[in-house]
Structure formats: C-alpha cells, structure tokens
C-alpha cells in the first residue's frame, strides 16, 4: 500500500542552517499494516509524513501509494489517497461550523459539487451512527459548534472525519500529544478500533514508547533521518521499553534522548497514580 524508496530531504542546503532530515529512507507497508513510528527530537519522523503528504518535495527517491507514483503530485492531488490527523486538536475541523456540517464536508471530499444545499435526513442518521463509535455522546449534539468541544472530543471527531472515506493511507502525527493522559488513552483506543474495523493502512508517530509497543502490528524507530529499528509480529508484542532502548542504542551507537519521551513517562506515572 505504501512504498518509500531511497527518499532524501535536506533543508536549507548550502547554508549554515543546512539540515539533513531524511537520509535514504526505505519503507514498505502492506495493506492493513498499522505501523508506529518513534524516535528522538529531529529524527525525521514528521518530515517523513510530510513527504508522503506532499508538504515538501523530495530531493530524490520515490513514493508510491497503492501502485500510484505520487512523488511529484502536489499536496491537494494526494489528498484523495490520504487521511491525516495532526497534533493540534484545533487543526482538521472548522470551529465555526456544526458537527454535522464538518462531517458533511469530510463525506463529500473529492465529489463533484452541486447546488443542493443542506444535509439530508439520511445523512444525518448516518452521522449519528458514526458518532456512536466514539462513545462521547456527540451523536446527540449534531448541531453543536465544533469550537465548543473539548480538545479530546475535537480530536476524536477529526479522526472520524479523516477515516470517513476509507483512505488508502492514514497518517497520525502525534495526534494525542496535546491531550491529557486519560483523554489521550481514549483517543488511542478509538484509533485502534477504527483502524482495525476498516483494516486501514496506518503510520502513527508517537513520543510514547508504551503506546508505540502496545498499538499496531509493527514498530519502526528513526534516528538522524534513517530507520534503524524495525520490529513486527511476535517480536513486537513481547518487546519491553528497556529492550527497545537497547535495540536503539545498538543500532545508533548512542543513548536515546528525547524531551517528549521523558515527559510521556511522567504522564504515564501520573495516570497510574490516579
């Protein structure tokens, strides 16, 4: 479903701010793979997702989704293949529009526009059923403005909108990082349920090692623009955080250091104490 071949990206080349973000990335995802991505600050995780989404052009290499070479397609033309949820809960929804209006926008993405106005009773009933999946009571608040929702509710709605059209590839860029631990856990559970139900091919960046191990069927770890650890199946299921850190240190020759990971450990300790 996804092939990334020899992709490289350097920002600000030839200047004192030159940064090699991706250093010959190669990654293959089969249909239905749920891959968690972890790595230290500046490892290239978000850059890799942005390259797939078309935010930045590649310096060299190829990106293929479901047999279609999208390497040189502009971002808006790749949208029909992708669903994406960002770190900021305020991104991905229209705050001044109602819940049902946001869902209608997502449902009609890529379709020919008509002069027909409004949301039909059939559509409204479908949206109610979809929102029940979230378990947040939003099915009874269809006409509420999205801007009135909490961060967790809004992120869950964004996730539903991103997967409404069953994308070829779902990109989750630290989509629970801005949420409190309890809300983050709920959104991750919803994510896992939707991905499993629809067999969605998924790349999920996380700074939380526990989540990287618990969710998905495969885990990759990045360092200095390269994939240095790739585990799946039973090996991943049995993996512990100390073993993952050991794998990183063997592959990179250095200790794993990430401010976000340290913060996530504190959040986990807090969650376990309440």
Protein backbone atom coordinates (compact mmCIF):
# COMPACT_ATOMS: atom_id res chain seq x y z
CA UNK A 1 0.00 0.00 0.00
CA UNK A 2 2.97 2.32 0.60
CA UNK A 3 6.46 2.20 -0.84
CA UNK A 4 9.05 4.82 0.09
CA UNK A 5 12.25 4.22 -1.86
CA UNK A 6 15.58 5.99 -1.25
CA UNK A 7 13.90 9.26 -0.25
CA UNK A 8 16.19 12.06 0.85
CA UNK A 9 15.46 15.56 2.08
CA UNK A 10 17.81 18.38 3.08
CA UNK A 11 16.50 21.70 4.35
CA UNK A 12 18.42 24.94 3.69
CA UNK A 13 21.12 23.24 1.59
CA UNK A 14 24.41 25.11 1.24
CA UNK A 15 23.78 27.36 4.25
CA UNK A 16 24.90 27.30 7.87
CA UNK A 17 21.39 26.06 8.70
CA UNK A 18 21.65 23.01 6.44
CA UNK A 19 19.82 20.04 7.95
CA UNK A 20 19.75 16.52 6.51
CA UNK A 21 16.23 15.48 7.57
CA UNK A 22 15.89 12.21 5.63
CA UNK A 23 18.87 10.13 4.66
CA UNK A 24 17.81 7.49 2.13
CA UNK A 25 14.56 6.32 3.73
CA UNK A 26 13.20 2.96 2.55
CA UNK A 27 9.87 1.74 3.91
CA UNK A 28 7.27 -0.75 2.66
CA UNK A 29 3.80 -1.07 4.19
CA UNK A 30 1.49 -3.91 3.21
CA UNK A 31 -2.26 -3.32 3.13
CA UNK A 32 -3.63 -3.20 6.68
CA UNK A 33 -0.27 -2.57 8.37
CA UNK A 34 -0.52 -0.38 11.47
CA UNK A 35 2.98 0.98 11.99
CA UNK A 36 4.00 3.06 14.99
CA UNK A 37 6.95 5.42 14.50
CA UNK A 38 9.17 6.61 17.33
CA UNK A 39 12.47 8.46 17.57
CA UNK A 40 14.28 11.30 19.28
CA UNK A 41 13.92 15.00 18.53
CA UNK A 42 14.85 15.74 14.91
CA UNK A 43 14.92 12.07 13.92
CA UNK A 44 12.88 12.77 10.77
CA UNK A 45 9.51 11.31 11.83
CA UNK A 46 7.27 14.24 10.92
CA UNK A 47 9.38 15.05 7.85
CA UNK A 48 8.72 11.54 6.55
CA UNK A 49 4.95 12.00 6.97
CA UNK A 50 5.12 15.44 5.37
CA UNK A 51 6.97 14.00 2.38
CA UNK A 52 4.26 11.36 1.94
CA UNK A 53 1.56 14.03 2.25
CA UNK A 54 3.31 16.30 -0.26
CA UNK A 55 4.02 19.19 2.09
CA UNK A 56 7.64 19.20 0.90
CA UNK A 57 9.09 17.97 -2.43
CA UNK A 58 11.59 15.12 -2.27
CA UNK A 59 15.22 15.76 -3.17
CA UNK A 60 15.43 12.26 -4.63
CA UNK A 61 13.67 8.93 -4.39
CA UNK A 62 10.10 7.76 -4.97
CA UNK A 63 6.83 7.47 -3.05
CA UNK A 64 4.16 5.06 -4.29
CA UNK A 65 0.68 4.55 -2.79
CA UNK A 66 -1.35 1.53 -3.92
CA UNK A 67 0.62 1.29 -7.15
CA UNK A 68 0.35 5.01 -7.98
CA UNK A 69 3.57 7.04 -8.07
CA UNK A 70 2.71 10.23 -6.17
CA UNK A 71 6.29 11.52 -5.87
CA UNK A 72 5.68 14.63 -7.91
CA UNK A 73 1.97 15.13 -7.27
CA UNK A 74 1.04 18.37 -5.45
CA UNK A 75 -0.38 18.11 -1.96
CA UNK A 76 -4.02 18.67 -2.98
CA UNK A 77 -3.89 15.84 -5.54
CA UNK A 78 -2.60 13.40 -2.92
CA UNK A 79 -5.49 14.20 -0.59
CA UNK A 80 -7.77 11.58 -2.19
CA UNK A 81 -5.36 8.83 -1.09
CA UNK A 82 -4.73 10.09 2.44
CA UNK A 83 -6.38 10.75 5.76
CA UNK A 84 -4.40 12.79 8.29
CA UNK A 85 -4.74 13.85 11.92
CA UNK A 86 -2.35 16.43 13.32
CA UNK A 87 -1.01 17.03 16.81
CA UNK A 88 -3.07 20.18 17.33
CA UNK A 89 -6.76 19.36 18.03
CA UNK A 90 -7.68 22.73 16.52
CA UNK A 91 -6.39 21.58 13.11
CA UNK A 92 -8.58 19.49 10.84
CA UNK A 93 -12.02 20.84 11.78
CA UNK A 94 -13.91 24.08 11.18
CA UNK A 95 -14.60 25.61 14.61
CA UNK A 96 -17.47 27.84 13.48
CA UNK A 97 -19.34 25.01 11.78
CA UNK A 98 -21.59 22.39 13.36
CA UNK A 99 -20.50 18.80 13.97
CA UNK A 100 -22.80 17.53 11.21
CA UNK A 101 -21.51 20.19 8.81
CA UNK A 102 -17.91 19.14 9.44
CA UNK A 103 -18.83 15.51 8.78
CA UNK A 104 -20.64 16.51 5.60
CA UNK A 105 -17.51 18.27 4.34
CA UNK A 106 -15.46 15.13 5.01
CA UNK A 107 -18.06 12.87 3.39
CA UNK A 108 -18.18 14.98 0.22
CA UNK A 109 -14.44 15.38 -0.19
CA UNK A 110 -13.43 14.57 -3.74
CA UNK A 111 -17.01 14.51 -5.01
CA UNK A 112 -18.46 16.81 -7.65
CA UNK A 113 -20.04 19.89 -6.05
CA UNK A 114 -23.73 20.57 -6.71
CA UNK A 115 -26.17 23.36 -5.94
CA UNK A 116 -28.00 21.17 -3.44
CA UNK A 117 -27.97 22.84 -0.04
CA UNK A 118 -28.07 21.29 3.42
CA UNK A 119 -27.79 17.85 4.97
CA UNK A 120 -30.42 15.22 4.26
CA UNK A 121 -32.22 13.18 6.92
CA UNK A 122 -30.46 10.07 5.63
CA UNK A 123 -27.05 11.71 6.01
CA UNK A 124 -27.92 12.94 9.49
CA UNK A 125 -28.89 9.40 10.55
CA UNK A 126 -25.60 8.06 9.13
CA UNK A 127 -23.60 10.66 11.04
CA UNK A 128 -25.38 9.73 14.28
CA UNK A 129 -24.39 6.09 13.85
CA UNK A 130 -20.80 7.04 13.05
CA UNK A 131 -20.51 9.28 16.11
CA UNK A 132 -21.74 6.48 18.38
CA UNK A 133 -18.45 4.70 17.65
CA UNK A 134 -16.64 7.41 19.61
CA UNK A 135 -18.64 6.82 22.79
CA UNK A 136 -18.54 10.52 23.63
CA UNK A 137 -22.24 11.39 23.29
CA UNK A 138 -21.61 13.56 20.22
CA UNK A 139 -24.37 11.78 18.31
CA UNK A 140 -26.80 13.85 20.40
CA UNK A 141 -25.02 17.13 19.61
CA UNK A 142 -25.04 17.18 15.82
CA UNK A 143 -25.83 20.89 15.62
CA UNK A 144 -23.27 21.97 18.24
CA UNK A 145 -20.43 24.18 17.03
CA UNK A 146 -17.15 22.24 16.90
CA UNK A 147 -15.39 25.15 18.62
CA UNK A 148 -17.36 24.33 21.79
CA UNK A 149 -15.93 20.80 22.04
CA UNK A 150 -13.05 19.79 24.29
CA UNK A 151 -9.66 19.01 22.76
CA UNK A 152 -10.24 15.27 23.07
CA UNK A 153 -13.71 15.43 21.54
CA UNK A 154 -12.42 17.54 18.68
CA UNK A 155 -9.50 15.21 18.02
CA UNK A 156 -11.81 12.18 18.04
CA UNK A 157 -14.07 13.96 15.54
CA UNK A 158 -11.07 14.82 13.36
CA UNK A 159 -10.07 11.14 13.40
CA UNK A 160 -13.58 10.15 12.31
CA UNK A 161 -13.51 12.73 9.51
CA UNK A 162 -10.07 11.58 8.33
CA UNK A 163 -11.24 7.96 8.04
CA UNK A 164 -14.77 8.59 6.74
CA UNK A 165 -13.78 7.96 3.10
CA UNK A 166 -11.58 4.93 3.96
CA UNK A 167 -8.25 6.43 2.83
CA UNK A 168 -5.54 4.29 1.25
CA UNK A 169 -3.21 5.52 3.99
CA UNK A 170 -3.90 7.12 7.37
CA UNK A 171 -1.24 9.46 8.77
CA UNK A 172 -1.32 10.21 12.51
CA UNK A 173 1.26 12.82 13.51
CA UNK A 174 1.46 12.64 17.32
CA UNK A 175 -2.31 13.07 17.36
CA UNK A 176 -2.60 12.54 21.13
CA UNK A 177 0.45 14.58 22.23
CA UNK A 178 -1.56 17.71 23.11
CA UNK A 179 -4.13 15.80 25.21
CA UNK A 180 -4.10 14.91 28.90
CA UNK A 181 -3.19 11.25 29.64
CA UNK A 182 -6.76 9.99 30.19
CA UNK A 183 -8.10 11.69 27.06
CA UNK A 184 -5.09 10.53 25.04
CA UNK A 185 -5.77 6.94 26.09
CA UNK A 186 -9.41 7.24 25.00
CA UNK A 187 -8.47 8.69 21.59
CA UNK A 188 -5.89 5.92 21.08
CA UNK A 189 -8.50 3.27 21.88
CA UNK A 190 -10.86 4.86 19.34
CA UNK A 191 -8.00 5.00 16.82
CA UNK A 192 -7.24 1.30 17.30
CA UNK A 193 -10.93 0.38 16.92
CA UNK A 194 -11.40 2.37 13.70
CA UNK A 195 -8.12 1.17 12.15
CA UNK A 196 -8.95 -2.47 12.97
CA UNK A 197 -12.59 -2.24 11.84
CA UNK A 198 -11.73 -0.75 8.44
CA UNK A 199 -8.34 -2.50 8.04
CA UNK A 200 -6.69 0.86 7.39
CA UNK A 201 -3.02 1.05 6.48
CA UNK A 202 -1.66 3.45 9.09
CA UNK A 203 1.50 5.31 10.06
CA UNK A 204 1.31 6.69 13.62
CA UNK A 205 4.05 8.87 15.07
CA UNK A 206 4.20 8.83 18.86
CA UNK A 207 6.65 10.02 21.52
CA UNK A 208 5.25 7.45 23.96
CA UNK A 209 7.24 4.20 23.93
CA UNK A 210 4.49 2.29 25.74
CA UNK A 211 1.95 3.29 23.08
CA UNK A 212 4.41 2.50 20.28
CA UNK A 213 4.71 -1.04 21.62
CA UNK A 214 1.05 -1.55 22.57
CA UNK A 215 -0.58 -0.39 19.33
CA UNK A 216 -0.12 -1.64 15.79
CA UNK A 217 1.49 -4.74 14.32
CA UNK A 218 4.85 -3.13 13.57
CA UNK A 219 7.19 -0.57 15.13
CA UNK A 220 9.95 1.44 13.50
CA UNK A 221 12.44 3.72 15.23
CA UNK A 222 14.16 6.58 13.43
CA UNK A 223 17.47 8.32 14.11
CA UNK A 224 19.18 11.07 12.10
CA UNK A 225 16.86 10.64 9.13
CA UNK A 226 17.17 6.85 8.93
CA UNK A 227 15.12 3.86 10.06
CA UNK A 228 17.38 1.97 12.44
CA UNK A 229 14.93 -0.40 14.17
CA UNK A 230 12.06 -2.31 12.53
CA UNK A 231 10.20 -4.96 14.55
CA UNK A 232 6.87 -6.66 13.98
CA UNK A 233 4.69 -9.63 14.89
CA UNK A 234 5.51 -11.63 17.99
CA UNK A 235 8.83 -9.83 18.46
CA UNK A 236 6.98 -6.54 18.82
CA UNK A 237 4.30 -7.98 21.12
CA UNK A 238 6.93 -9.27 23.55
CA UNK A 239 9.05 -6.11 23.43
CA UNK A 240 9.61 -4.07 26.60
CA UNK A 241 10.70 -0.45 26.87
CA UNK A 242 14.20 -1.36 28.19
CA UNK A 243 14.61 -3.82 25.31
CA UNK A 244 13.51 -1.15 22.81
CA UNK A 245 16.03 1.30 24.24
CA UNK A 246 18.70 -1.38 24.00
CA UNK A 247 17.84 -2.00 20.34
CA UNK A 248 18.13 1.73 19.68
CA UNK A 249 21.50 2.03 21.39
CA UNK A 250 22.90 -0.96 19.48
CA UNK A 251 21.67 0.35 16.13
CA UNK A 252 22.63 4.00 16.63
CA UNK A 253 25.67 3.71 18.86
CA UNK A 254 24.25 6.34 21.22
CA UNK A 255 21.75 6.71 24.06
CA UNK A 256 18.16 7.56 23.24
CA UNK A 257 17.39 11.13 24.28
CA UNK A 258 14.03 12.85 23.81
CA UNK A 259 12.41 15.51 25.95
CA UNK A 260 8.99 14.34 24.78
CA UNK A 261 9.66 10.75 25.82
CA UNK A 262 10.74 11.90 29.27
CA UNK A 263 7.52 13.91 29.53
CA UNK A 264 5.44 10.92 28.41
CA UNK A 265 7.00 8.79 31.16
CA UNK A 266 5.93 11.39 33.73
CA UNK A 267 2.41 11.39 32.25
CA UNK A 268 2.24 7.61 32.46
CA UNK A 269 3.33 7.70 36.09
CA UNK A 270 0.63 10.29 36.79
CA UNK A 271 -2.01 8.20 35.02
CA UNK A 272 -1.08 5.12 37.03
CA UNK A 273 -1.36 7.06 40.28
CA UNK A 274 -4.99 8.23 39.76
